[in-house]
Each structure stands twice: as structure tokens, then as C-alpha cells.
Amino acid sequence: MSPADAGRALVERFNALEPGARLEALVRDYPPELRLGLLEAGIRHSAELTADRGRRLAIRRGAAPAQGSVPGVHHVVTDGDSIWTCERGERVARIAAANGAPVAVARVARKASHLALEQRSGTLFVADAHANEVIALRAADLGVIARWSAPGAPQLPLAAPDGSVCVTGSGTGTLTIATPRRGGYSERTIEVGACPHDPLLDGDAVHVLVPCAGSGELVKVRIADGRIVGRTRVGEGPSHLARRVDGRVYCANSWDGTVACVGKEGELVATAASGGWAHAIDITPDGSRVFVANFLDDTVCVFDADSLERLAVLPTGPYPHGLDVSPDGRHVVVTAFGGAEVQVLDAATRRELGRVAVGRGSSHTAFCGGMAWVGCSVDDHVVCVDLAKLSSPKQISIH
């Protein structure tokens, strides 16, 4: 099979297994697109090289189905007054933070993935991986403003202060940049490298930094004209990024299990070992600590941001898909897609404060009013977690 077909077949076989059961599969090719797809799906496996240069994959099913294969809510963003979420399907919703009530729900996508909010213009951007497009909505009422093509199964939109939006296409090795023009958007698509993943703005919001998991590079692209102005080799499988106020960027490298620090001028400053499938990453607002979730090991590593000295290794729930530091820098929320709880850490002491039952398939977190709003894909609801009381007083459905 082609890598794309092999990925779909593996997800189907994985979901058909009973929890704890195992399967083996032979794949002709094991390219970055397939590797990243299995990682994001939470399909843990080992890959043994065969005599004909293929791979023998050994896979064990956990408690949860493959992430991305269930249609429940996944991503959440906030402006402090409202929370927006989308299911892995048609619906996008706006929820009032004051009472947790959905105030707008719209069917706009074939299979929505992630969101980006541009507060100045009040625009919500939705990546539709199945339709290969990005949708711009009025954030207030979710009315459609525009749609445009974005090849490569786009998933992770990024909004810039000037109203531009960038999204990677992992399947095509591309970055699509759309700029507001005459009431609509003008888009351009450029090739950046193999298997680009989660982009990040630089400190001046003039450039977008794109981690390319297939080429092991951090690619710097000027938003205004789409010109590539820099490439930095950072490690094997760069996936997600975090930026410090001084311009330093930290990159989680999934294949070699490291975290890399890149200076403001694009120079590689340091690397350090983190753990298997190092992937989700965030930094405290004061820039002192970097947190990295290791998907394969079910751990979070804490690093000193200046030296990359590893300060702590903390066990997590199964498959810590999301890791987010609260805006006040006090808490770190770690989700567990393969379990039914989220973990709350004290960012200063690097100790676990507690675990809160939220439901199955916890994925991403947004913070608002002392609360953490968590999307739970398997049970298909958003949960409001009180960080002071370590309780979950609200569960919200968008159906």
C-alpha cells in the first residue's frame, strides 16, 4: 500500500482491537508522514527494519481509539470571555465563559481539526483536513466570511496580528499563507520541507517558523511574500515549538526524543534528551522553564530554559496529547487522551497538584477566568476545570 493507505488501514485495524491486544504489520515504506500520523493518533509501536528495507511494526492497543478517528470535540481557544471549540466533524461552537452555555453552533466543515482566533478583527479560522481548506468565520456568530484552498490535509492554523493566517500541509510539504484583501483573502502556497507540522510566529510577527519533521529543520518564512529566509537543523522529527520573550525558540524533536534551543538569529544553541516521542511543548511566561510531553513514555520533562538542564521527569496519564501552561504561569495542565483524567502541575515546584476526572480523550486546553477548558474527543464534550479547587464543575456538549 501507499503510506497514506497504510496509515488508514493501520488505524482501522488498531481501532478493531480490544484494549491490550497487539498486532503486527509489514509496511513497504515508513516515511515521516506515516510516522507522524501514527504518533498523532497515539498508535504506539516499534519499527524493525526488514531484509527488503521495509518495516515490521509491532503495535499494542491502549484503552482509547486512534486520536483523530473519533468525531468528538478536540481543540479549544479563548479570548477571555468566550471559548471556541470544534469537533472532528462539521460543527464549530462558541461557548460563553460566564455560564458555560453554547451561544452559537454552526456546521461549516467536512472534518474540522484545529482553530486559530484573531482577536483584533474578531475572526476565527478553522482548518478542514478533509476538504483541504481553511475557513474564516465571524467569531461572534460563526458566519462564514471566506474559504480557500490549503493542500496537504491542513490541521494547525496560525493567525498573525495583521490578519494573515498560515497553515501547514503535512501531506504536501507546504505552507499556505492567506492575507486579507478586499473583504476576502488572497492565498499563496509554498514548499517548505517534508512533513511540516505546528508553525509559530517569531517575536516580531514578521516571520513564521515551521518545524519540518521529515527534514529535521526549522524553516523561517517571511509572511509578507512567502520567501524562505532561513533553515536550521534542529534534530530528528521537529514537531511543536515554544518561544521565549527574548526570541529564543524551543523545539520538541519526536524521533530522537530531544528538545532543541534555537537563538534569535537562527543558530542552534543547545539540545537535551527528553524522552520517547517528545512532542507537545510549552514555556512559562517568565521564560524560566520549558515543559515537554513525551508521548511514548507517558512523561513530562521540565528543563531550565537557559541551560536546558533537565530538572524533573514526571509520570503522566496515558498519551499526554496536550500540555499547556496557564497565562499566569502558576499551573501546567497535561491531558491524557488514553485516560479519563487531566493532570495539574505546579509550574514553580514542578510537582503534581492533582488529577481531575474530565472524561475520555482529553486533548487540548484553553485558560479563562481561573478555569481550564478541556476538549475531550472520545466522550465528546468540553469540561471546565477549576484550577484552585481541582474539580470539574461543568461538562458542555455542542450537539
Protein backbone atom coordinates (compact mmCIF):
# COMPACT_ATOMS: atom_id res chain seq x y z
CA MET A 1 0.00 0.00 0.00
CA SER A 2 0.96 3.64 -0.30
CA PRO A 3 1.91 5.25 3.03
CA ALA A 4 -1.44 7.09 3.14
CA ASP A 5 -3.41 3.89 2.55
CA ALA A 6 -1.23 2.01 5.03
CA GLY A 7 -1.93 4.67 7.65
CA ARG A 8 -5.69 4.38 7.16
CA ALA A 9 -5.53 0.58 7.28
CA LEU A 10 -3.48 0.62 10.48
CA VAL A 11 -5.94 2.99 12.18
CA GLU A 12 -8.83 0.70 11.17
CA ARG A 13 -7.08 -2.43 12.45
CA PHE A 14 -5.95 -0.65 15.63
CA ASN A 15 -9.49 0.51 16.45
CA ALA A 16 -10.82 -3.02 15.91
CA LEU A 17 -8.52 -4.44 18.59
CA GLU A 18 -9.56 -4.99 22.19
CA PRO A 19 -7.63 -2.85 24.71
CA GLY A 20 -4.34 -4.55 25.47
CA ALA A 21 -4.32 -6.63 22.29
CA ARG A 22 -1.45 -6.50 19.81
CA LEU A 23 -0.94 -6.66 16.06
CA GLU A 24 1.99 -6.76 13.68
CA ALA A 25 2.13 -5.27 10.21
CA LEU A 26 4.63 -5.14 7.38
CA VAL A 27 4.90 -1.80 5.59
CA ARG A 28 6.84 -1.25 2.41
CA ASP A 29 7.64 2.40 3.27
CA TYR A 30 7.96 4.13 6.63
CA PRO A 31 8.22 7.81 5.68
CA PRO A 32 7.83 10.79 8.04
CA GLU A 33 4.19 11.29 7.05
CA LEU A 34 3.27 7.79 8.22
CA ARG A 35 5.40 8.06 11.35
CA LEU A 36 3.88 11.39 12.36
CA GLY A 37 0.37 10.16 11.58
CA LEU A 38 0.80 7.15 13.86
CA LEU A 39 2.35 9.33 16.58
CA GLU A 40 -0.51 11.86 16.47
CA ALA A 41 -3.02 9.01 16.52
CA GLY A 42 -1.44 7.62 19.67
CA ILE A 43 -0.67 4.32 17.95
CA ARG A 44 2.41 3.29 19.90
CA HIS A 45 4.66 0.93 18.05
CA SER A 46 8.17 -0.28 17.42
CA ALA A 47 9.58 -0.49 13.89
CA GLU A 48 12.08 -3.19 12.96
CA LEU A 49 13.94 -2.93 9.66
CA THR A 50 13.29 -5.92 7.37
CA ALA A 51 15.63 -7.53 4.84
CA ASP A 52 13.93 -5.72 1.95
CA ARG A 53 14.24 -2.32 3.70
CA GLY A 54 10.62 -2.25 4.76
CA ARG A 55 9.49 -2.19 8.39
CA ARG A 56 7.82 -4.67 10.70
CA LEU A 57 5.59 -2.68 13.04
CA ALA A 58 4.59 -4.11 16.42
CA ILE A 59 1.56 -2.27 17.81
CA ARG A 60 -0.30 -2.53 21.11
CA ARG A 61 -3.82 -1.12 21.55
CA GLY A 62 -4.43 1.10 24.59
CA ALA A 63 -7.76 1.99 26.16
CA ALA A 64 -8.60 4.72 23.61
CA PRO A 65 -9.22 4.54 19.86
CA ALA A 66 -6.85 6.29 17.50
CA GLN A 67 -6.80 10.05 18.08
CA GLY A 68 -8.38 11.77 15.08
CA SER A 69 -10.59 8.80 14.23
CA VAL A 70 -13.43 9.79 16.57
CA PRO A 71 -15.67 12.79 15.79
CA GLY A 72 -15.75 14.42 19.24
CA VAL A 73 -14.57 17.91 20.20
CA HIS A 74 -10.82 18.35 20.16
CA HIS A 75 -9.37 21.85 20.10
CA VAL A 76 -10.28 24.90 22.22
CA VAL A 77 -9.30 28.60 22.09
CA THR A 78 -10.43 31.61 24.13
CA ASP A 79 -10.39 35.42 24.26
CA GLY A 80 -11.23 35.62 27.97
CA ASP A 81 -14.98 35.99 27.51
CA SER A 82 -15.82 33.12 25.17
CA ILE A 83 -14.44 29.69 24.36
CA TRP A 84 -14.49 28.27 20.86
CA THR A 85 -14.24 24.58 20.09
CA CYS A 86 -14.67 22.26 17.12
CA GLU A 87 -15.43 18.62 16.72
CA ARG A 88 -13.58 16.35 14.33
CA GLY A 89 -16.50 16.79 12.03
CA GLU A 90 -18.82 19.54 10.85
CA ARG A 91 -19.52 21.59 13.98
CA VAL A 92 -17.81 24.65 15.43
CA ALA A 93 -19.19 26.24 18.60
CA ARG A 94 -18.83 29.38 20.70
CA ILE A 95 -19.37 28.92 24.47
CA ALA A 96 -19.95 31.73 26.99
CA ALA A 97 -17.29 31.59 29.70
CA ALA A 98 -19.63 33.09 32.32
CA ASN A 99 -22.08 30.18 32.40
CA GLY A 100 -20.68 27.53 30.05
CA ALA A 101 -23.64 27.74 27.68
CA PRO A 102 -23.16 27.33 23.91
CA VAL A 103 -24.29 30.61 22.30
CA ALA A 104 -23.59 29.68 18.68
CA VAL A 105 -23.13 26.37 16.86
CA ALA A 106 -22.57 26.06 13.11
CA ARG A 107 -21.95 23.22 10.68
CA VAL A 108 -19.19 24.62 8.48
CA ALA A 109 -16.60 21.88 7.82
CA ARG A 110 -16.26 18.36 6.50
CA LYS A 111 -13.77 17.44 9.23
CA ALA A 112 -12.58 20.35 11.34
CA SER A 113 -9.27 19.95 13.12
CA HIS A 114 -7.85 22.95 14.97
CA LEU A 115 -8.75 26.62 15.38
CA ALA A 116 -6.98 29.99 15.47
CA LEU A 117 -8.52 33.19 16.82
CA GLU A 118 -7.53 36.65 15.60
CA GLN A 119 -9.00 38.90 18.30
CA ARG A 120 -8.44 42.30 16.69
CA SER A 121 -10.68 41.51 13.73
CA GLY A 122 -12.89 39.04 15.59
CA THR A 123 -12.12 36.25 13.13
CA LEU A 124 -11.98 32.54 13.85
CA PHE A 125 -10.05 30.32 11.45
CA VAL A 126 -10.88 26.62 11.06
CA ALA A 127 -8.60 24.06 9.40
CA ASP A 128 -10.57 21.43 7.48
CA ALA A 129 -8.24 18.50 6.85
CA HIS A 130 -10.68 16.52 4.67
CA ALA A 131 -11.72 19.42 2.45
CA ASN A 132 -8.13 20.72 2.15
CA GLU A 133 -9.20 24.23 3.01
CA VAL A 134 -9.22 26.90 5.69
CA ILE A 135 -12.48 28.60 6.68
CA ALA A 136 -12.68 32.14 8.09
CA LEU A 137 -15.67 32.74 10.39
CA ARG A 138 -17.05 35.71 12.29
CA ALA A 139 -16.10 34.70 15.80
CA ALA A 140 -19.25 36.18 17.33
CA ASP A 141 -21.88 34.27 15.35
CA LEU A 142 -19.78 31.79 13.33
CA GLY A 143 -20.95 33.17 9.99
CA VAL A 144 -18.71 32.20 7.08
CA ILE A 145 -16.54 35.04 5.72
CA ALA A 146 -14.40 33.12 3.24
CA ARG A 147 -12.90 29.75 2.34
CA TRP A 148 -9.70 29.00 0.46
CA SER A 149 -7.67 26.01 -0.62
CA ALA A 150 -4.84 24.73 1.58
CA PRO A 151 -3.39 21.43 0.30
CA GLY A 152 -1.88 18.60 2.31
CA ALA A 153 -4.62 17.94 4.92
CA PRO A 154 -4.17 21.19 6.89
CA GLN A 155 -4.64 20.92 10.64
CA LEU A 156 -2.90 23.67 12.63
CA PRO A 157 -3.80 27.26 11.60
CA LEU A 158 -1.83 30.20 12.96
CA ALA A 159 -3.23 33.75 12.96
CA ALA A 160 -0.93 36.78 12.78
CA PRO A 161 -1.75 40.25 14.19
CA ASP A 162 -2.08 41.70 10.67
CA GLY A 163 -4.96 39.30 9.94
CA SER A 164 -2.89 36.84 7.91
CA VAL A 165 -3.25 33.14 8.61
CA CYS A 166 -0.73 30.36 7.98
CA VAL A 167 -1.29 26.61 7.90
CA THR A 168 0.95 23.67 7.06
CA GLY A 169 0.11 20.79 4.78
CA SER A 170 1.92 17.74 6.06
CA GLY A 171 0.94 15.59 3.11
CA THR A 172 2.35 18.01 0.52
CA GLY A 173 5.27 19.55 2.40
CA THR A 174 3.74 23.00 2.04
CA LEU A 175 2.81 26.16 3.92
CA THR A 176 -0.24 28.17 2.82
CA ILE A 177 -0.34 31.86 3.75
CA ALA A 178 -3.59 33.79 3.32
CA THR A 179 -3.74 37.60 3.57
CA PRO A 180 -6.87 39.76 3.94
CA ARG A 181 -7.73 41.55 0.70
CA ARG A 182 -10.89 43.36 -0.47
CA GLY A 183 -13.17 41.68 2.01
CA GLY A 184 -11.73 38.24 1.28
CA TYR A 185 -8.36 36.51 1.36
CA SER A 186 -5.53 36.08 -1.13
CA GLU A 187 -3.55 32.87 -0.59
CA ARG A 188 -0.21 31.50 -1.72
CA THR A 189 1.24 28.04 -1.12
CA ILE A 190 4.98 27.39 -0.93
CA GLU A 191 7.06 24.26 -0.44
CA VAL A 192 8.91 24.29 2.88
CA GLY A 193 10.10 20.72 3.51
CA ALA A 194 8.98 17.21 4.30
CA CYS A 195 6.14 16.79 6.78
CA PRO A 196 5.77 20.31 8.23
CA HIS A 197 3.83 20.45 11.48
CA ASP A 198 2.89 23.17 14.01
CA PRO A 199 4.04 26.69 12.96
CA LEU A 200 4.89 29.58 15.30
CA LEU A 201 5.28 33.34 14.80
CA ASP A 202 8.61 34.95 15.59
CA GLY A 203 8.73 37.72 18.17
CA ASP A 204 8.04 40.48 15.65
CA ALA A 205 5.24 38.52 13.91
CA VAL A 206 7.03 39.18 10.62
CA HIS A 207 8.08 35.58 10.03
CA VAL A 208 6.55 32.18 10.64
CA LEU A 209 8.75 29.35 11.89
CA VAL A 210 7.86 25.93 10.53
CA PRO A 211 9.16 22.67 12.07
CA CYS A 212 9.59 20.09 9.30
CA ALA A 213 9.57 16.64 10.87
CA GLY A 214 10.76 14.93 7.69
CA SER A 215 13.83 17.07 7.05
CA GLY A 216 14.76 17.80 10.67
CA GLU A 217 14.74 21.54 10.06
CA LEU A 218 13.20 24.68 11.45
CA VAL A 219 12.28 26.77 8.39
CA LYS A 220 11.84 30.56 8.64
CA VAL A 221 9.37 32.09 6.18
CA ARG A 222 8.59 35.79 5.67
CA ILE A 223 4.81 36.20 5.86
CA ALA A 224 4.60 39.21 3.54
CA ASP A 225 5.91 37.42 0.45
CA GLY A 226 6.31 33.75 1.41
CA ARG A 227 10.08 33.85 0.97
CA ILE A 228 12.17 31.29 2.89
CA VAL A 229 14.87 33.27 4.70
CA GLY A 230 16.45 30.62 6.90
CA ARG A 231 16.82 26.94 7.73
CA THR A 232 18.21 25.46 10.94
CA ARG A 233 18.91 21.80 11.55
CA VAL A 234 17.41 21.08 14.99
CA GLY A 235 17.12 17.29 15.31
CA GLU A 236 15.10 14.30 14.16
CA GLY A 237 11.37 14.91 13.85
CA PRO A 238 10.78 18.53 14.97
CA SER A 239 7.07 18.89 15.69
CA HIS A 240 5.97 21.64 18.11
CA LEU A 241 7.56 24.93 19.20
CA ALA A 242 7.56 27.40 22.09
CA ARG A 243 9.04 30.91 22.05
CA ARG A 244 10.63 32.90 24.86
CA VAL A 245 10.24 36.67 25.12
CA ASP A 246 13.90 37.21 24.19
CA GLY A 247 13.35 35.44 20.86
CA ARG A 248 14.76 32.04 21.67
CA VAL A 249 12.69 29.16 20.29
CA TYR A 250 12.43 25.68 21.80
CA CYS A 251 11.60 22.70 19.60
CA ALA A 252 10.47 19.20 20.59
CA ASN A 253 12.02 16.57 18.30
CA SER A 254 9.86 13.45 18.27
CA TRP A 255 12.10 10.90 16.55
CA ASP A 256 15.30 11.42 18.56
CA GLY A 257 13.44 12.38 21.76
CA THR A 258 15.22 15.69 22.31
CA VAL A 259 14.45 19.33 22.90
CA ALA A 260 16.46 21.94 20.98
CA CYS A 261 17.02 25.63 21.67
CA VAL A 262 17.43 27.98 18.68
CA GLY A 263 18.71 31.55 19.06
CA LYS A 264 17.08 34.66 17.66
CA GLU A 265 19.38 34.63 14.62
CA GLY A 266 18.58 31.01 13.82
CA GLU A 267 21.63 29.41 15.42
CA LEU A 268 21.32 26.10 17.24
CA VAL A 269 22.21 26.89 20.86
CA ALA A 270 21.77 23.56 22.65
CA THR A 271 19.94 20.23 22.69
CA ALA A 272 19.00 17.91 25.53
CA ALA A 273 17.42 14.49 25.92
CA SER A 274 13.73 14.48 26.83
CA GLY A 275 12.08 11.12 26.11
CA GLY A 276 10.34 8.88 23.60
CA TRP A 277 8.22 10.79 21.09
CA ALA A 278 8.96 14.20 22.65
CA HIS A 279 6.18 16.26 21.11
CA ALA A 280 3.98 18.79 22.96
CA ILE A 281 5.94 21.72 24.44
CA ASP A 282 5.29 24.96 26.33
CA ILE A 283 7.24 27.56 28.30
CA THR A 284 6.41 29.57 31.42
CA PRO A 285 5.57 33.25 30.80
CA ASP A 286 8.72 34.38 32.63
CA GLY A 287 10.80 32.24 30.26
CA SER A 288 12.47 30.24 33.02
CA ARG A 289 11.10 26.72 32.49
CA VAL A 290 10.34 24.56 29.47
CA PHE A 291 7.90 21.63 29.72
CA VAL A 292 7.89 18.77 27.18
CA ALA A 293 5.38 15.91 26.98
CA ASN A 294 6.83 12.60 25.80
CA PHE A 295 4.03 10.69 24.09
CA LEU A 296 5.70 7.27 24.05
CA ASP A 297 6.96 7.36 27.63
CA ASP A 298 3.92 8.93 29.33
CA THR A 299 6.12 11.52 30.99
CA VAL A 300 6.66 15.27 31.15
CA CYS A 301 10.20 16.63 31.37
CA VAL A 302 10.97 20.03 32.87
CA PHE A 303 14.03 21.97 31.68
CA ASP A 304 15.83 25.10 32.74
CA ALA A 305 15.31 27.35 29.72
CA ASP A 306 18.77 28.94 29.93
CA SER A 307 20.89 25.81 30.20
CA LEU A 308 18.48 23.03 29.11
CA GLU A 309 19.38 21.21 32.30
CA ARG A 310 16.69 18.62 32.95
CA LEU A 311 15.12 19.49 36.31
CA ALA A 312 12.41 16.86 36.64
CA VAL A 313 10.72 13.91 34.97
CA LEU A 314 7.07 13.44 35.95
CA PRO A 315 4.81 10.48 35.10
CA THR A 316 1.57 11.37 33.30
CA GLY A 317 -1.61 9.64 32.27
CA PRO A 318 -1.61 7.56 29.06
CA TYR A 319 -0.75 9.53 25.91
CA PRO A 320 -0.25 13.14 27.13
CA HIS A 321 -1.52 14.72 23.91
CA GLY A 322 -1.82 18.26 25.26
CA LEU A 323 0.46 20.30 27.52
CA ASP A 324 -0.35 23.95 28.32
CA VAL A 325 0.99 26.50 30.81
CA SER A 326 -1.61 28.87 32.27
CA PRO A 327 -1.20 32.58 31.37
CA ASP A 328 -0.30 33.46 34.97
CA GLY A 329 2.46 30.85 34.93
CA ARG A 330 1.17 29.03 38.01
CA HIS A 331 -0.26 25.84 36.54
CA VAL A 332 0.54 23.33 33.82
CA VAL A 333 -2.32 21.18 32.53
CA VAL A 334 -1.40 17.86 30.93
CA THR A 335 -4.13 15.94 29.14
CA ALA A 336 -4.26 12.16 28.69
CA PHE A 337 -6.02 11.06 25.54
CA GLY A 338 -5.75 7.42 26.58
CA GLY A 339 -7.29 8.00 30.02
CA ALA A 340 -10.11 9.93 31.68
CA GLU A 341 -8.23 12.50 33.79
CA VAL A 342 -6.15 15.61 33.31
CA GLN A 343 -3.09 16.27 35.44
CA VAL A 344 -2.47 19.68 37.05
CA LEU A 345 1.12 20.59 37.90
CA ASP A 346 2.56 23.42 39.97
CA ALA A 347 4.85 25.16 37.49
CA ALA A 348 7.16 26.60 40.16
CA THR A 349 7.71 23.50 42.29
CA ARG A 350 7.35 21.07 39.35
CA ARG A 351 5.09 18.84 41.44
CA GLU A 352 1.74 17.30 40.69
CA LEU A 353 -1.13 19.10 42.43
CA GLY A 354 -3.72 16.53 41.45
CA ARG A 355 -5.65 14.76 38.73
CA VAL A 356 -9.18 15.72 37.76
CA ALA A 357 -11.72 13.44 36.10
CA VAL A 358 -12.86 15.02 32.82
CA GLY A 359 -13.84 12.13 30.57
CA ARG A 360 -12.12 10.11 27.90
CA GLY A 361 -9.93 11.53 25.17
CA SER A 362 -8.74 14.80 26.74
CA SER A 363 -6.84 16.66 24.06
CA HIS A 364 -6.28 20.45 24.28
CA THR A 365 -6.71 23.17 26.91
CA ALA A 366 -7.53 26.90 26.94
CA PHE A 367 -7.50 29.11 30.07
CA CYS A 368 -10.15 31.61 31.09
CA GLY A 369 -11.14 33.08 34.46
CA GLY A 370 -9.08 30.73 36.60
CA MET A 371 -10.52 27.78 34.73
CA ALA A 372 -9.02 25.31 32.29
CA TRP A 373 -11.37 24.40 29.43
CA VAL A 374 -10.53 20.97 28.06
CA GLY A 375 -11.78 19.30 24.89
CA CYS A 376 -12.46 15.57 25.34
CA SER A 377 -12.70 13.83 21.98
CA VAL A 378 -13.88 10.34 22.95
CA ASP A 379 -16.67 11.44 25.28
CA ASP A 380 -17.36 14.44 23.01
CA HIS A 381 -17.66 17.32 25.45
CA VAL A 382 -15.79 20.32 26.81
CA VAL A 383 -15.01 20.27 30.53
CA CYS A 384 -14.41 23.30 32.73
CA VAL A 385 -11.75 22.54 35.37
CA ASP A 386 -11.46 24.78 38.44
CA LEU A 387 -7.69 25.05 38.94
CA ALA A 388 -7.98 26.25 42.54
CA LYS A 389 -10.36 23.52 43.69
CA LEU A 390 -9.10 20.83 41.30
CA SER A 391 -12.65 19.94 40.34
CA SER A 392 -14.64 19.80 37.12
CA PRO A 393 -17.97 21.53 37.74
CA LYS A 394 -19.18 21.73 34.13
CA GLN A 395 -19.42 19.46 31.10
CA ILE A 396 -20.66 21.11 27.91
CA SER A 397 -21.96 19.41 24.78
CA ILE A 398 -22.18 21.31 21.49
CA HIS A 399 -24.84 18.99 20.00
